[in-house]
């Protein structure tokens, strides 16, 4: 049976699907609509995305897409491990500006559901980490946004990468939360 665990911000949910193995390997229903709907989660996924990060300490995020292309995400790791973070950027939310994190790995076989209205980012914990995630809206360059991954006001507890984190140019100059006017209410 699929396990659902709500984090400190209860809209963000760690999901662990069952994994059935025998001498041939294993089988798992990594997404089953009826299991999600039984938990009150009704999301129409439209696209799957996959990334590969070669170096441990690679940071991707904190990203979001503004309405009308806001995205919920269901994130899982195919190979390696990540420190996955969701930051509430919904104006008026009692948890606005707060974050939650969860280690996702191929070994743990877990996933993280991040609803629209959250900025999302992760740091890889091992080499050649592959991440697969579902989204419920298509990508729109005009709607993309970011918040600085290490904004001191957020106080995200990132793991030590053992060196300088690997970032895209865009992620290295993203605005601070205080400079950000959220499109989410």
N, C-alpha and C. Protein backbone atom coordinates (compact mmCIF):
# COMPACT_ATOMS: atom_id res chain seq x y z
N UNK A 1 0.84 -1.17 0.00
CA UNK A 1 0.00 0.00 0.00
C UNK A 1 0.89 1.24 0.00
N UNK A 2 0.53 2.23 -0.80
CA UNK A 2 1.28 3.48 -0.88
C UNK A 2 1.19 4.23 0.43
N UNK A 3 2.35 4.70 0.91
CA UNK A 3 2.39 5.48 2.15
C UNK A 3 2.39 6.97 1.86
N UNK A 4 1.62 7.73 2.61
CA UNK A 4 1.54 9.19 2.48
C UNK A 4 1.89 9.80 3.83
N UNK A 5 2.92 10.67 3.87
CA UNK A 5 3.33 11.33 5.11
C UNK A 5 3.40 12.83 4.87
N UNK A 6 2.53 13.56 5.57
CA UNK A 6 2.51 15.02 5.45
C UNK A 6 3.66 15.60 6.26
N UNK A 7 4.38 16.55 5.66
CA UNK A 7 5.50 17.18 6.33
C UNK A 7 5.00 18.32 7.23
N UNK A 8 5.91 19.10 7.80
CA UNK A 8 5.54 20.18 8.72
C UNK A 8 4.63 21.21 8.05
N UNK A 9 4.77 21.41 6.76
CA UNK A 9 3.79 22.16 5.96
C UNK A 9 2.96 21.07 5.30
N UNK A 10 1.73 20.83 5.78
CA UNK A 10 1.01 19.60 5.41
C UNK A 10 0.62 19.46 3.95
N UNK A 11 0.68 20.53 3.18
CA UNK A 11 0.39 20.40 1.75
C UNK A 11 1.52 19.69 1.00
N UNK A 12 2.71 19.65 1.60
CA UNK A 12 3.86 18.96 1.01
C UNK A 12 3.87 17.55 1.61
N UNK A 13 3.86 16.54 0.73
CA UNK A 13 3.65 15.16 1.17
C UNK A 13 4.75 14.24 0.64
N UNK A 14 5.37 13.49 1.56
CA UNK A 14 6.28 12.42 1.16
C UNK A 14 5.44 11.20 0.84
N UNK A 15 5.70 10.59 -0.30
CA UNK A 15 4.93 9.43 -0.76
C UNK A 15 5.90 8.28 -1.00
N UNK A 16 5.56 7.12 -0.46
CA UNK A 16 6.39 5.94 -0.67
C UNK A 16 5.52 4.83 -1.25
N UNK A 17 5.70 4.54 -2.54
CA UNK A 17 4.92 3.48 -3.17
C UNK A 17 5.44 2.10 -2.75
N UNK A 18 4.59 1.10 -2.83
CA UNK A 18 5.05 -0.26 -2.51
C UNK A 18 6.03 -0.76 -3.57
N UNK A 19 6.95 -1.59 -3.15
CA UNK A 19 7.96 -2.17 -4.05
C UNK A 19 7.99 -3.66 -3.76
N UNK A 20 7.55 -4.44 -4.74
CA UNK A 20 7.45 -5.89 -4.58
C UNK A 20 8.57 -6.57 -5.36
N UNK A 21 9.38 -7.34 -4.64
CA UNK A 21 10.52 -7.96 -5.30
C UNK A 21 10.52 -9.47 -5.20
N UNK A 22 11.23 -10.08 -6.12
CA UNK A 22 11.49 -11.52 -6.10
C UNK A 22 12.84 -11.75 -6.79
N UNK A 23 13.13 -13.00 -7.15
CA UNK A 23 14.42 -13.33 -7.74
C UNK A 23 14.69 -12.63 -9.07
N UNK A 24 13.65 -12.11 -9.72
CA UNK A 24 13.82 -11.43 -11.01
C UNK A 24 14.14 -9.95 -10.86
N UNK A 25 13.79 -9.37 -9.71
CA UNK A 25 13.95 -7.92 -9.51
C UNK A 25 12.79 -7.39 -8.70
N UNK A 26 12.13 -6.35 -9.18
CA UNK A 26 11.00 -5.79 -8.44
C UNK A 26 9.97 -5.21 -9.40
N UNK A 27 8.81 -4.89 -8.84
CA UNK A 27 7.72 -4.20 -9.53
C UNK A 27 7.16 -3.18 -8.56
N UNK A 28 6.81 -1.99 -9.07
CA UNK A 28 6.23 -0.96 -8.23
C UNK A 28 5.27 -0.10 -9.04
N UNK A 29 4.13 0.20 -8.44
CA UNK A 29 3.21 1.19 -9.02
C UNK A 29 3.61 2.53 -8.43
N UNK A 30 4.49 3.26 -9.11
CA UNK A 30 5.04 4.50 -8.55
C UNK A 30 4.03 5.64 -8.55
N UNK A 31 3.02 5.56 -9.40
CA UNK A 31 1.90 6.48 -9.35
C UNK A 31 0.63 5.70 -9.66
N UNK A 32 -0.33 5.81 -8.76
CA UNK A 32 -1.62 5.17 -8.95
C UNK A 32 -2.70 6.19 -8.58
N UNK A 33 -3.42 6.67 -9.58
CA UNK A 33 -4.40 7.74 -9.39
C UNK A 33 -5.36 7.43 -8.24
N UNK A 34 -5.87 6.21 -8.15
CA UNK A 34 -6.86 5.88 -7.13
C UNK A 34 -6.27 6.01 -5.71
N UNK A 35 -4.99 5.67 -5.53
CA UNK A 35 -4.35 5.82 -4.22
C UNK A 35 -4.24 7.29 -3.84
N UNK A 36 -3.87 8.13 -4.80
CA UNK A 36 -3.78 9.56 -4.54
C UNK A 36 -5.16 10.15 -4.24
N UNK A 37 -6.15 9.76 -5.02
CA UNK A 37 -7.50 10.29 -4.81
C UNK A 37 -8.07 9.86 -3.47
N UNK A 38 -7.72 8.67 -3.01
CA UNK A 38 -8.16 8.22 -1.69
C UNK A 38 -7.59 9.10 -0.58
N UNK A 39 -6.47 9.77 -0.85
CA UNK A 39 -5.85 10.72 0.09
C UNK A 39 -6.33 12.15 -0.14
N UNK A 40 -7.28 12.33 -1.06
CA UNK A 40 -7.79 13.67 -1.35
C UNK A 40 -6.92 14.46 -2.31
N UNK A 41 -6.04 13.78 -3.02
CA UNK A 41 -5.12 14.43 -3.97
C UNK A 41 -5.64 14.19 -5.39
N UNK A 42 -6.10 15.26 -6.01
CA UNK A 42 -6.68 15.17 -7.37
C UNK A 42 -5.85 16.07 -8.28
N UNK A 43 -4.88 15.49 -8.96
CA UNK A 43 -4.00 16.26 -9.85
C UNK A 43 -3.96 15.56 -11.20
N UNK A 44 -4.12 16.35 -12.24
CA UNK A 44 -4.06 15.84 -13.61
C UNK A 44 -2.66 16.11 -14.16
N UNK A 45 -1.79 15.12 -14.08
CA UNK A 45 -0.41 15.29 -14.55
C UNK A 45 -0.40 15.39 -16.07
N UNK A 46 0.43 16.30 -16.62
CA UNK A 46 0.47 16.50 -18.07
C UNK A 46 1.84 16.26 -18.68
N UNK A 47 2.88 16.18 -17.85
CA UNK A 47 4.22 16.08 -18.42
C UNK A 47 5.16 15.45 -17.40
N UNK A 48 6.13 14.66 -17.88
CA UNK A 48 7.21 14.15 -17.05
C UNK A 48 8.51 14.80 -17.51
N UNK A 49 9.34 15.21 -16.54
CA UNK A 49 10.65 15.81 -16.82
C UNK A 49 11.72 14.99 -16.12
N UNK A 50 12.91 14.94 -16.71
CA UNK A 50 14.01 14.20 -16.11
C UNK A 50 15.27 15.04 -16.19
N UNK A 51 16.06 15.03 -15.10
CA UNK A 51 17.34 15.74 -15.11
C UNK A 51 18.44 14.81 -14.62
N UNK A 52 19.64 15.09 -15.08
CA UNK A 52 20.85 14.41 -14.63
C UNK A 52 21.78 15.48 -14.10
N UNK A 53 22.29 15.29 -12.91
CA UNK A 53 23.29 16.19 -12.34
C UNK A 53 24.53 15.35 -12.06
N UNK A 54 25.62 15.69 -12.74
CA UNK A 54 26.83 14.88 -12.66
C UNK A 54 27.55 14.99 -11.32
N UNK A 55 27.60 16.19 -10.76
CA UNK A 55 28.39 16.42 -9.57
C UNK A 55 27.55 16.45 -8.30
N UNK A 56 28.04 15.84 -7.21
CA UNK A 56 27.38 16.04 -5.92
C UNK A 56 27.47 17.53 -5.56
N UNK A 57 26.46 18.05 -4.90
CA UNK A 57 26.44 19.46 -4.55
C UNK A 57 25.86 20.34 -5.64
N UNK A 58 25.29 19.73 -6.67
CA UNK A 58 24.60 20.51 -7.69
C UNK A 58 23.27 20.99 -7.12
N UNK A 59 23.00 22.28 -7.26
CA UNK A 59 21.76 22.88 -6.79
C UNK A 59 20.93 23.28 -7.99
N UNK A 60 19.67 22.88 -7.97
CA UNK A 60 18.70 23.31 -8.98
C UNK A 60 17.55 23.94 -8.21
N UNK A 61 17.37 25.25 -8.39
CA UNK A 61 16.27 25.93 -7.71
C UNK A 61 16.76 27.14 -6.96
N UNK A 62 15.85 27.73 -6.33
CA UNK A 62 14.46 27.44 -5.99
C UNK A 62 13.56 27.97 -7.11
N UNK A 63 12.88 27.10 -7.83
CA UNK A 63 12.11 27.47 -9.01
C UNK A 63 10.61 27.37 -8.78
N UNK A 64 9.87 28.13 -9.58
CA UNK A 64 8.41 28.03 -9.63
C UNK A 64 7.96 28.58 -10.97
N UNK A 65 6.71 28.33 -11.30
CA UNK A 65 6.06 28.95 -12.44
C UNK A 65 4.83 29.68 -11.93
N UNK A 66 4.65 30.92 -12.37
CA UNK A 66 3.52 31.74 -11.95
C UNK A 66 2.26 31.32 -12.69
N UNK A 67 1.10 31.60 -12.09
CA UNK A 67 -0.16 31.36 -12.81
C UNK A 67 -0.17 32.15 -14.12
N UNK A 68 -0.77 31.67 -15.16
CA UNK A 68 -1.65 30.50 -15.21
C UNK A 68 -0.92 29.18 -15.49
N UNK A 69 0.42 29.20 -15.40
CA UNK A 69 1.20 27.98 -15.66
C UNK A 69 1.82 27.42 -14.38
N UNK A 70 1.26 27.78 -13.23
CA UNK A 70 1.76 27.27 -11.95
C UNK A 70 1.75 25.75 -11.97
N UNK A 71 2.76 25.16 -11.36
CA UNK A 71 2.91 23.70 -11.42
C UNK A 71 2.96 23.06 -10.05
N UNK A 72 2.19 22.00 -9.89
CA UNK A 72 2.42 21.04 -8.82
C UNK A 72 3.46 20.07 -9.38
N UNK A 73 4.27 19.48 -8.48
CA UNK A 73 5.31 18.54 -8.92
C UNK A 73 5.26 17.29 -8.06
N UNK A 74 5.52 16.16 -8.68
CA UNK A 74 5.72 14.90 -7.97
C UNK A 74 7.14 14.44 -8.33
N UNK A 75 8.06 14.55 -7.37
CA UNK A 75 9.50 14.38 -7.61
C UNK A 75 9.96 13.04 -7.07
N UNK A 76 10.75 12.34 -7.88
CA UNK A 76 11.37 11.08 -7.42
C UNK A 76 12.77 10.96 -8.00
N UNK A 77 13.60 10.17 -7.35
CA UNK A 77 14.98 9.98 -7.77
C UNK A 77 15.12 8.59 -8.38
N UNK A 78 15.64 8.53 -9.59
CA UNK A 78 15.87 7.26 -10.26
C UNK A 78 17.23 6.67 -9.92
N UNK A 79 18.22 7.57 -9.70
CA UNK A 79 19.58 7.13 -9.36
C UNK A 79 20.20 8.20 -8.48
N UNK A 80 20.79 7.78 -7.36
CA UNK A 80 21.43 8.73 -6.47
C UNK A 80 20.50 9.20 -5.37
N UNK A 81 20.75 10.44 -4.91
CA UNK A 81 19.98 11.01 -3.80
C UNK A 81 20.01 12.52 -3.87
N UNK A 82 18.96 13.16 -3.34
CA UNK A 82 18.88 14.61 -3.28
C UNK A 82 18.32 15.06 -1.93
N UNK A 83 18.66 16.29 -1.58
CA UNK A 83 18.02 17.00 -0.47
C UNK A 83 17.00 17.90 -1.16
N UNK A 84 15.72 17.57 -1.04
CA UNK A 84 14.65 18.25 -1.77
C UNK A 84 13.96 19.25 -0.85
N UNK A 85 13.73 20.46 -1.35
CA UNK A 85 13.21 21.56 -0.54
C UNK A 85 12.01 22.21 -1.22
N UNK A 86 10.99 22.52 -0.43
CA UNK A 86 9.82 23.28 -0.89
C UNK A 86 9.64 24.48 0.03
N UNK A 87 9.47 25.68 -0.56
CA UNK A 87 9.29 26.92 0.19
C UNK A 87 7.91 27.47 -0.14
N UNK A 88 7.12 27.74 0.88
CA UNK A 88 5.78 28.29 0.70
C UNK A 88 5.89 29.75 0.26
N UNK A 89 5.38 30.07 -0.93
CA UNK A 89 5.41 31.45 -1.44
C UNK A 89 3.99 31.95 -1.71
N UNK A 90 3.01 31.43 -0.96
CA UNK A 90 1.61 31.85 -1.10
C UNK A 90 1.34 33.01 -0.15
N UNK A 91 1.08 34.20 -0.71
CA UNK A 91 0.75 35.37 0.12
C UNK A 91 -0.43 35.03 1.02
N UNK A 92 -0.33 35.45 2.27
CA UNK A 92 -1.42 35.21 3.21
C UNK A 92 -1.40 33.85 3.86
N UNK A 93 -0.54 32.96 3.41
CA UNK A 93 -0.44 31.63 4.01
C UNK A 93 0.20 31.75 5.39
N UNK A 94 -0.28 30.99 6.38
CA UNK A 94 0.36 31.04 7.70
C UNK A 94 1.80 30.51 7.68
N UNK A 95 2.17 29.80 6.61
CA UNK A 95 3.53 29.28 6.52
C UNK A 95 4.34 29.97 5.41
N UNK A 96 3.89 31.17 4.98
CA UNK A 96 4.61 31.92 3.94
C UNK A 96 6.08 32.10 4.35
N UNK A 97 6.99 31.79 3.42
CA UNK A 97 8.41 31.95 3.66
C UNK A 97 9.04 30.81 4.45
N UNK A 98 8.24 29.85 4.89
CA UNK A 98 8.78 28.69 5.59
C UNK A 98 9.10 27.59 4.58
N UNK A 99 9.97 26.69 4.96
CA UNK A 99 10.39 25.62 4.07
C UNK A 99 10.32 24.28 4.78
N UNK A 100 10.22 23.24 3.98
CA UNK A 100 10.35 21.86 4.45
C UNK A 100 11.30 21.14 3.51
N UNK A 101 11.93 20.10 4.02
CA UNK A 101 12.88 19.34 3.21
C UNK A 101 12.72 17.86 3.48
N UNK A 102 13.14 17.08 2.50
CA UNK A 102 13.07 15.63 2.60
C UNK A 102 14.18 15.05 1.73
N UNK A 103 14.89 14.07 2.25
CA UNK A 103 15.87 13.38 1.41
C UNK A 103 15.13 12.36 0.56
N UNK A 104 15.31 12.48 -0.74
CA UNK A 104 14.75 11.51 -1.69
C UNK A 104 15.91 10.72 -2.27
N UNK A 105 15.70 9.41 -2.45
CA UNK A 105 16.76 8.61 -3.04
C UNK A 105 16.17 7.40 -3.77
N UNK A 106 16.98 6.88 -4.67
CA UNK A 106 16.58 5.65 -5.35
C UNK A 106 16.46 4.52 -4.33
N UNK A 107 17.30 4.52 -3.33
CA UNK A 107 17.27 3.48 -2.30
C UNK A 107 16.02 3.57 -1.43
N UNK A 108 15.66 4.78 -1.01
CA UNK A 108 14.48 4.95 -0.15
C UNK A 108 13.17 4.74 -0.91
N UNK A 109 13.21 4.93 -2.23
CA UNK A 109 12.04 4.70 -3.09
C UNK A 109 10.89 5.66 -2.76
N UNK A 110 11.25 6.85 -2.27
CA UNK A 110 10.22 7.82 -1.90
C UNK A 110 10.10 8.93 -2.93
N UNK A 111 9.04 9.70 -2.80
CA UNK A 111 8.73 10.79 -3.71
C UNK A 111 8.26 11.98 -2.87
N UNK A 112 8.25 13.17 -3.48
CA UNK A 112 7.74 14.34 -2.78
C UNK A 112 6.73 15.05 -3.66
N UNK A 113 5.55 15.29 -3.10
CA UNK A 113 4.50 16.04 -3.77
C UNK A 113 4.61 17.49 -3.32
N UNK A 114 4.83 18.38 -4.27
CA UNK A 114 4.97 19.81 -3.99
C UNK A 114 3.86 20.53 -4.76
N UNK A 115 2.90 21.13 -4.05
CA UNK A 115 1.79 21.79 -4.75
C UNK A 115 2.21 23.10 -5.40
N UNK A 116 1.38 23.62 -6.29
CA UNK A 116 1.58 24.95 -6.85
C UNK A 116 1.56 25.94 -5.69
N UNK A 117 2.31 27.03 -5.84
CA UNK A 117 2.42 28.01 -4.77
C UNK A 117 3.63 27.80 -3.89
N UNK A 118 4.49 26.88 -4.29
CA UNK A 118 5.73 26.61 -3.58
C UNK A 118 6.89 26.75 -4.55
N UNK A 119 8.00 27.33 -4.07
CA UNK A 119 9.25 27.30 -4.83
C UNK A 119 9.92 25.97 -4.50
N UNK A 120 10.55 25.38 -5.49
CA UNK A 120 11.13 24.04 -5.33
C UNK A 120 12.59 24.06 -5.74
N UNK A 121 13.40 23.34 -4.97
CA UNK A 121 14.79 23.18 -5.34
C UNK A 121 15.38 21.96 -4.69
N UNK A 122 16.52 21.53 -5.19
CA UNK A 122 17.20 20.40 -4.57
C UNK A 122 18.71 20.51 -4.74
N UNK A 123 19.42 19.80 -3.87
CA UNK A 123 20.86 19.65 -3.96
C UNK A 123 21.15 18.16 -4.08
N UNK A 124 22.00 17.80 -5.05
CA UNK A 124 22.35 16.39 -5.21
C UNK A 124 23.34 15.98 -4.12
N UNK A 125 23.18 14.74 -3.68
CA UNK A 125 24.01 14.20 -2.60
C UNK A 125 24.99 13.14 -3.09
N UNK A 126 24.87 12.76 -4.34
CA UNK A 126 25.75 11.74 -4.90
C UNK A 126 25.99 12.05 -6.38
N UNK A 127 27.05 11.47 -6.95
CA UNK A 127 27.33 11.74 -8.36
C UNK A 127 26.29 11.10 -9.27
N UNK A 128 26.14 11.69 -10.45
CA UNK A 128 25.26 11.16 -11.50
C UNK A 128 23.85 10.89 -10.99
N UNK A 129 23.28 11.88 -10.33
CA UNK A 129 21.93 11.76 -9.79
C UNK A 129 20.90 12.09 -10.86
N UNK A 130 19.95 11.16 -11.04
CA UNK A 130 18.87 11.37 -12.00
C UNK A 130 17.56 11.57 -11.25
N UNK A 131 16.86 12.66 -11.61
CA UNK A 131 15.59 13.02 -10.98
C UNK A 131 14.51 13.02 -12.05
N UNK A 132 13.37 12.43 -11.71
CA UNK A 132 12.20 12.41 -12.59
C UNK A 132 11.06 13.08 -11.85
N UNK A 133 10.36 14.00 -12.52
CA UNK A 133 9.22 14.60 -11.85
C UNK A 133 8.09 14.87 -12.82
N UNK A 134 6.88 14.66 -12.30
CA UNK A 134 5.66 14.94 -13.02
C UNK A 134 5.26 16.37 -12.72
N UNK A 135 4.62 17.04 -13.68
CA UNK A 135 4.06 18.37 -13.47
C UNK A 135 2.64 18.40 -14.03
N UNK A 136 1.84 19.31 -13.49
CA UNK A 136 0.44 19.38 -13.93
C UNK A 136 0.15 20.57 -14.84
N UNK A 137 1.20 21.26 -15.31
CA UNK A 137 1.05 22.34 -16.27
C UNK A 137 2.30 22.37 -17.15
N UNK A 138 2.17 22.77 -18.39
CA UNK A 138 3.34 22.81 -19.26
C UNK A 138 4.29 23.94 -18.85
N UNK A 139 5.54 23.81 -19.26
CA UNK A 139 6.54 24.84 -19.01
C UNK A 139 6.22 26.09 -19.82
N UNK A 140 6.43 27.25 -19.21
CA UNK A 140 6.27 28.54 -19.87
C UNK A 140 7.42 29.44 -19.45
N UNK A 141 8.28 29.79 -20.39
CA UNK A 141 9.43 30.66 -20.09
C UNK A 141 8.97 31.98 -19.48
N UNK A 142 7.87 32.54 -19.97
CA UNK A 142 7.37 33.82 -19.48
C UNK A 142 6.87 33.73 -18.04
N UNK A 143 6.53 32.54 -17.58
CA UNK A 143 5.97 32.35 -16.23
C UNK A 143 6.98 31.83 -15.22
N UNK A 144 8.22 31.56 -15.66
CA UNK A 144 9.19 30.98 -14.73
C UNK A 144 9.72 32.05 -13.77
N UNK A 145 10.03 31.59 -12.58
CA UNK A 145 10.59 32.47 -11.57
C UNK A 145 11.48 31.68 -10.64
N UNK A 146 12.22 32.43 -9.81
CA UNK A 146 13.14 31.78 -8.87
C UNK A 146 13.37 32.69 -7.67
N UNK A 147 13.78 32.07 -6.59
CA UNK A 147 14.22 32.74 -5.37
C UNK A 147 15.61 32.20 -5.08
N UNK A 148 16.47 33.05 -4.55
CA UNK A 148 17.85 32.64 -4.28
C UNK A 148 17.88 31.44 -3.33
N UNK A 149 18.56 30.41 -3.75
CA UNK A 149 18.59 29.13 -3.04
C UNK A 149 19.12 29.25 -1.62
N UNK A 150 20.05 30.18 -1.37
CA UNK A 150 20.64 30.30 -0.04
C UNK A 150 20.31 31.64 0.62
N UNK A 151 19.13 32.17 0.33
CA UNK A 151 18.66 33.41 0.95
C UNK A 151 18.75 33.26 2.47
N UNK A 152 19.54 34.11 3.15
CA UNK A 152 19.68 33.98 4.60
C UNK A 152 18.35 34.11 5.34
N UNK A 153 17.41 34.88 4.80
CA UNK A 153 16.11 35.05 5.46
C UNK A 153 15.33 33.74 5.49
N UNK A 154 15.54 32.87 4.52
CA UNK A 154 14.87 31.56 4.50
C UNK A 154 15.52 30.60 5.50
N UNK A 155 16.83 30.66 5.62
CA UNK A 155 17.54 29.80 6.56
C UNK A 155 17.45 28.32 6.23
N UNK A 156 17.43 28.00 4.95
CA UNK A 156 17.36 26.59 4.56
C UNK A 156 18.63 25.87 5.00
N UNK A 157 18.48 24.74 5.61
CA UNK A 157 19.61 23.94 6.08
C UNK A 157 20.04 22.98 4.97
N UNK A 158 20.89 23.47 4.09
CA UNK A 158 21.41 22.65 3.00
C UNK A 158 22.52 21.77 3.54
N UNK A 159 22.65 20.54 3.04
CA UNK A 159 23.76 19.69 3.46
C UNK A 159 25.09 20.24 2.95
N UNK A 160 26.17 19.84 3.57
CA UNK A 160 27.48 20.23 3.10
C UNK A 160 27.79 19.47 1.83
N UNK A 161 28.15 20.19 0.80
CA UNK A 161 28.47 19.55 -0.48
C UNK A 161 29.93 19.14 -0.57
N UNK A 162 30.72 19.49 0.45
CA UNK A 162 32.14 19.15 0.41
C UNK A 162 32.92 20.08 -0.49
N UNK A 163 32.32 21.15 -0.93
CA UNK A 163 32.97 22.11 -1.81
C UNK A 163 31.97 23.20 -2.17
N UNK A 164 32.28 23.92 -3.21
CA UNK A 164 31.39 24.99 -3.67
C UNK A 164 30.22 24.37 -4.43
N UNK A 165 28.98 24.73 -4.08
CA UNK A 165 27.84 24.18 -4.81
C UNK A 165 27.90 24.54 -6.30
N UNK A 166 27.41 23.64 -7.13
CA UNK A 166 27.36 23.84 -8.58
C UNK A 166 26.00 24.42 -8.92
N UNK A 167 25.99 25.62 -9.52
CA UNK A 167 24.74 26.33 -9.83
C UNK A 167 24.72 26.76 -11.28
N UNK A 168 23.52 26.98 -11.81
CA UNK A 168 23.40 27.66 -13.10
C UNK A 168 23.62 29.14 -12.85
N UNK A 169 23.98 29.89 -13.89
CA UNK A 169 24.14 31.34 -13.75
C UNK A 169 22.85 31.97 -13.24
N UNK A 170 21.73 31.52 -13.77
CA UNK A 170 20.42 32.08 -13.40
C UNK A 170 20.11 31.84 -11.93
N UNK A 171 20.39 30.65 -11.42
CA UNK A 171 20.10 30.35 -10.02
C UNK A 171 21.00 31.14 -9.08
N UNK A 172 22.20 31.46 -9.51
CA UNK A 172 23.14 32.20 -8.67
C UNK A 172 22.78 33.66 -8.46
N UNK A 173 21.89 34.20 -9.30
CA UNK A 173 21.50 35.61 -9.19
C UNK A 173 20.00 35.79 -8.97
N UNK A 174 19.31 34.76 -8.57
CA UNK A 174 17.87 34.86 -8.31
C UNK A 174 17.63 35.86 -7.17
N UNK A 175 16.46 36.49 -7.13
CA UNK A 175 16.18 37.48 -6.07
C UNK A 175 15.98 36.84 -4.71
N UNK A 176 16.16 37.66 -3.68
CA UNK A 176 15.85 37.25 -2.32
C UNK A 176 14.34 37.25 -2.12
N UNK A 177 13.85 36.53 -1.13
CA UNK A 177 12.42 36.50 -0.83
C UNK A 177 11.90 37.92 -0.55
N UNK A 178 12.67 38.75 0.14
CA UNK A 178 12.25 40.11 0.47
C UNK A 178 12.10 40.99 -0.78
N UNK A 179 12.75 40.63 -1.88
CA UNK A 179 12.67 41.39 -3.13
C UNK A 179 11.61 40.83 -4.07
N UNK A 180 10.87 39.88 -3.60
CA UNK A 180 9.99 39.08 -4.44
C UNK A 180 8.53 39.43 -4.14
N UNK A 181 7.76 39.67 -5.20
CA UNK A 181 6.31 39.91 -5.05
C UNK A 181 5.61 38.66 -5.58
N UNK A 182 5.15 37.84 -4.68
CA UNK A 182 4.58 36.55 -5.05
C UNK A 182 3.30 36.69 -5.87
N UNK A 183 3.19 35.91 -6.94
CA UNK A 183 1.94 35.90 -7.72
C UNK A 183 0.89 34.95 -7.14
N UNK A 184 1.22 34.29 -6.03
CA UNK A 184 0.32 33.31 -5.41
C UNK A 184 -0.36 33.91 -4.20
N UNK A 185 -1.66 33.63 -4.06
CA UNK A 185 -2.40 34.11 -2.88
C UNK A 185 -3.02 32.94 -2.18
